[in-house]
Amino acid sequence: MYVFVIAQKVTIQQKIRGNVKNVEAPDVLKVNCIVEGPLTSRILKTLEGCERIDGHLRIGTTFKYEELKVLESVKIVSEYIEIVKQDFWDLKFLKNLQIIEGRKLLNMKWVLAIFECDNLIELNLNSLKLIETGSVIIKNNHRLCYVETVDWESIIQSKGDHGKLNLRSEGNRDRKLC
């Protein structure tokens, strides 16, 4: 597992007494982190402040919810996200996630896989606007409600056979019980 953090100061043009000058923008930092392999607690700590993950997020080890809050700054994941057998109630630690590009897919199909998270009640992926390539599977999360209320049609760009939406949602809580 390798994590590389690339921090880049943003340069802006500032006009001082009629002269245009390039200066570093104060307190503006764009951070790109490269992640290969499943997350560990040690690696997770290095991701604080990352806005873009070049690679994937595989959350398969049981983490404390507080540990995952370092992912709150993530806006883009270039490959896929896999969340398996976790104990948390929601995915608010990904509250700023906007785009999953799907450059590499889990099992050559899945760009977002959430399954067997028995305490998961709600997704809270409110900022998610675009899944460029790949399919979504949300399966066997027995307490998870309202998966179908997400506008997956506008988020998932790639379509399956006969233009069908690339979404598989099953084994989650019955809508009537939510």
Protein backbone atom coordinates (compact mmCIF):
# COMPACT_ATOMS: atom_id res chain seq x y z
CA MET A 1 0.00 0.00 0.00
CA TYR A 2 1.38 3.34 -1.05
CA VAL A 3 -0.04 6.76 -0.33
CA PHE A 4 1.43 9.78 -2.04
CA VAL A 5 0.22 13.23 -1.11
CA ILE A 6 0.72 15.98 -3.63
CA ALA A 7 -0.02 19.45 -2.34
CA GLN A 8 -0.21 22.30 -4.76
CA LYS A 9 -0.46 25.95 -3.77
CA VAL A 10 -2.84 27.87 -5.98
CA THR A 11 -1.39 30.87 -7.78
CA ILE A 12 -3.60 33.86 -8.46
CA GLN A 13 -3.03 37.11 -10.33
CA GLN A 14 -3.11 40.20 -8.20
CA LYS A 15 -3.11 43.77 -9.48
CA ILE A 16 -0.94 46.03 -7.33
CA ARG A 17 -0.63 49.71 -8.34
CA GLY A 18 -1.43 48.90 -11.96
CA ASN A 19 1.01 45.98 -12.21
CA VAL A 20 -0.24 42.40 -12.51
CA LYS A 21 1.71 39.98 -10.36
CA ASN A 22 1.39 36.22 -9.75
CA VAL A 23 1.19 35.40 -6.04
CA GLU A 24 0.37 32.32 -4.00
CA ALA A 25 -3.19 32.40 -2.75
CA PRO A 26 -3.19 32.35 1.05
CA ASP A 27 -4.73 29.32 2.72
CA VAL A 28 -5.77 27.74 -0.58
CA LEU A 29 -4.43 24.23 -0.98
CA LYS A 30 -5.53 21.59 -3.45
CA VAL A 31 -4.48 18.14 -2.33
CA ASN A 32 -4.28 15.05 -4.51
CA CYS A 33 -3.67 11.72 -2.76
CA ILE A 34 -2.76 8.46 -4.48
CA VAL A 35 -4.11 5.35 -2.77
CA GLU A 36 -3.41 1.77 -3.81
CA GLY A 37 -4.87 -1.16 -1.88
CA PRO A 38 -7.29 -1.38 1.04
CA LEU A 39 -7.33 1.33 3.69
CA THR A 40 -5.70 0.78 7.06
CA SER A 41 -5.88 3.06 10.10
CA ARG A 42 -2.31 4.21 9.47
CA ILE A 43 -2.99 5.10 5.84
CA LEU A 44 -6.33 6.69 6.65
CA LYS A 45 -4.56 9.23 8.89
CA THR A 46 -2.45 10.41 5.93
CA LEU A 47 -5.55 11.30 3.88
CA GLU A 48 -6.62 14.28 5.96
CA GLY A 49 -7.29 17.27 3.72
CA CYS A 50 -7.30 15.26 0.49
CA GLU A 51 -9.77 16.58 -2.06
CA ARG A 52 -9.04 14.02 -4.75
CA ILE A 53 -8.21 10.34 -4.34
CA ASP A 54 -6.32 8.94 -7.32
CA GLY A 55 -7.16 5.32 -6.76
CA HIS A 56 -9.93 3.68 -4.81
CA LEU A 57 -11.41 3.64 -1.32
CA ARG A 58 -11.78 0.09 -0.02
CA ILE A 59 -13.30 0.21 3.44
CA GLY A 60 -13.33 -3.43 4.40
CA THR A 61 -11.69 -3.33 7.81
CA THR A 62 -13.86 -2.18 10.68
CA PHE A 63 -13.05 1.46 11.36
CA LYS A 64 -14.29 3.75 14.08
CA TYR A 65 -16.57 6.37 12.57
CA GLU A 66 -14.32 9.11 13.96
CA GLU A 67 -11.37 7.72 11.97
CA LEU A 68 -13.31 8.00 8.71
CA LYS A 69 -14.03 11.70 9.22
CA VAL A 70 -10.65 12.47 7.60
CA LEU A 71 -12.41 11.63 4.32
CA GLU A 72 -14.84 14.56 4.68
CA SER A 73 -12.70 16.72 2.36
CA VAL A 74 -12.76 14.18 -0.50
CA LYS A 75 -14.60 15.48 -3.57
CA ILE A 76 -13.39 13.10 -6.30
CA VAL A 77 -12.41 9.43 -6.38
CA SER A 78 -10.81 8.36 -9.66
CA GLU A 79 -11.55 4.62 -9.42
CA TYR A 80 -14.19 3.04 -7.14
CA ILE A 81 -15.53 2.93 -3.59
CA GLU A 82 -16.18 -0.33 -1.75
CA ILE A 83 -17.75 -0.34 1.71
CA VAL A 84 -18.27 -3.78 3.25
CA LYS A 85 -19.39 -5.05 6.67
CA GLN A 86 -19.15 -1.75 8.54
CA ASP A 87 -20.96 -0.79 11.75
CA PHE A 88 -21.65 2.90 11.12
CA TRP A 89 -25.12 4.44 10.64
CA ASP A 90 -24.47 6.67 7.62
CA LEU A 91 -21.85 7.77 5.10
CA LYS A 92 -21.60 11.41 6.23
CA PHE A 93 -17.82 11.04 6.23
CA LEU A 94 -18.20 11.25 2.41
CA LYS A 95 -20.48 14.28 2.62
CA ASN A 96 -18.44 16.31 0.11
CA LEU A 97 -17.99 13.51 -2.44
CA GLN A 98 -19.15 14.83 -5.81
CA ILE A 99 -17.67 12.54 -8.47
CA ILE A 100 -16.66 8.90 -8.81
CA GLU A 101 -14.89 8.57 -12.14
CA GLY A 102 -14.71 4.77 -12.45
CA ARG A 103 -11.35 4.63 -14.27
CA LYS A 104 -10.87 1.21 -12.68
CA LEU A 105 -13.81 -0.86 -11.42
CA LEU A 106 -14.23 -3.40 -8.64
CA ASN A 107 -14.52 -6.83 -10.27
CA MET A 108 -14.54 -5.04 -13.65
CA LYS A 109 -18.09 -3.81 -12.99
CA TRP A 110 -18.75 -1.88 -9.76
CA VAL A 111 -17.88 1.76 -9.21
CA LEU A 112 -19.80 2.00 -5.92
CA ALA A 113 -20.36 -1.13 -3.83
CA ILE A 114 -22.02 -0.94 -0.42
CA PHE A 115 -23.02 -4.24 1.11
CA GLU A 116 -23.59 -6.09 4.36
CA CYS A 117 -23.41 -2.96 6.52
CA ASP A 118 -26.03 -4.07 9.01
CA ASN A 119 -26.28 -0.78 10.95
CA LEU A 120 -26.34 1.48 7.89
CA ILE A 121 -29.60 3.46 7.97
CA GLU A 122 -29.02 6.19 5.38
CA LEU A 123 -26.49 6.97 2.67
CA ASN A 124 -26.13 10.75 3.09
CA LEU A 125 -24.25 11.11 -0.20
CA ASN A 126 -25.98 14.44 -0.78
CA SER A 127 -23.13 16.03 -2.77
CA LEU A 128 -22.74 13.09 -5.17
CA LYS A 129 -23.57 14.44 -8.63
CA LEU A 130 -21.75 12.19 -11.09
CA ILE A 131 -20.71 8.58 -11.56
CA GLU A 132 -18.93 8.57 -14.91
CA THR A 133 -18.46 4.85 -15.59
CA GLY A 134 -19.54 1.62 -13.92
CA SER A 135 -22.42 0.12 -12.01
CA VAL A 136 -23.67 0.66 -8.47
CA ILE A 137 -24.52 -2.17 -6.08
CA ILE A 138 -26.19 -1.52 -2.74
CA LYS A 139 -27.05 -4.90 -1.29
CA ASN A 140 -27.93 -6.63 1.99
CA ASN A 141 -27.87 -3.54 4.20
CA HIS A 142 -30.87 -4.67 6.22
CA ARG A 143 -31.60 -1.33 7.94
CA LEU A 144 -30.86 0.92 4.96
CA CYS A 145 -33.82 3.02 3.86
CA TYR A 146 -34.63 5.26 0.89
CA VAL A 147 -32.02 4.02 -1.59
CA GLU A 148 -34.58 4.52 -4.35
CA THR A 149 -35.15 8.20 -3.44
CA VAL A 150 -31.68 9.11 -4.75
CA ASP A 151 -31.84 10.41 -8.34
CA TRP A 152 -29.56 7.65 -9.66
CA GLU A 153 -30.78 8.31 -13.21
CA SER A 154 -29.05 11.69 -13.29
CA ILE A 155 -25.97 10.56 -11.32
CA ILE A 156 -25.01 7.33 -13.14
CA GLN A 157 -23.88 8.26 -16.65
CA SER A 158 -23.20 4.82 -18.12
CA LYS A 159 -26.19 2.67 -18.97
CA GLY A 160 -26.48 -1.10 -19.14
CA ASP A 161 -28.21 -3.36 -21.64
CA HIS A 162 -31.04 -1.69 -23.55
CA GLY A 163 -30.31 1.64 -21.83
CA LYS A 164 -31.17 0.22 -18.42
CA LEU A 165 -29.82 1.97 -15.32
CA ASN A 166 -26.66 0.35 -13.90
CA LEU A 167 -28.05 0.08 -10.37
CA ARG A 168 -28.55 -3.07 -8.34
CA SER A 169 -30.32 -2.49 -5.04
CA GLU A 170 -31.62 -5.50 -3.15
CA GLY A 171 -31.80 -6.93 0.33
CA ASN A 172 -32.07 -3.48 1.89
CA ARG A 173 -34.91 -2.45 4.21
CA ASP A 174 -38.39 -2.61 2.71
CA ARG A 175 -39.60 0.93 1.98
CA LYS A 176 -42.86 0.23 3.83
CA LEU A 177 -40.88 -0.33 7.04
CA CYS A 178 -38.88 2.91 6.81
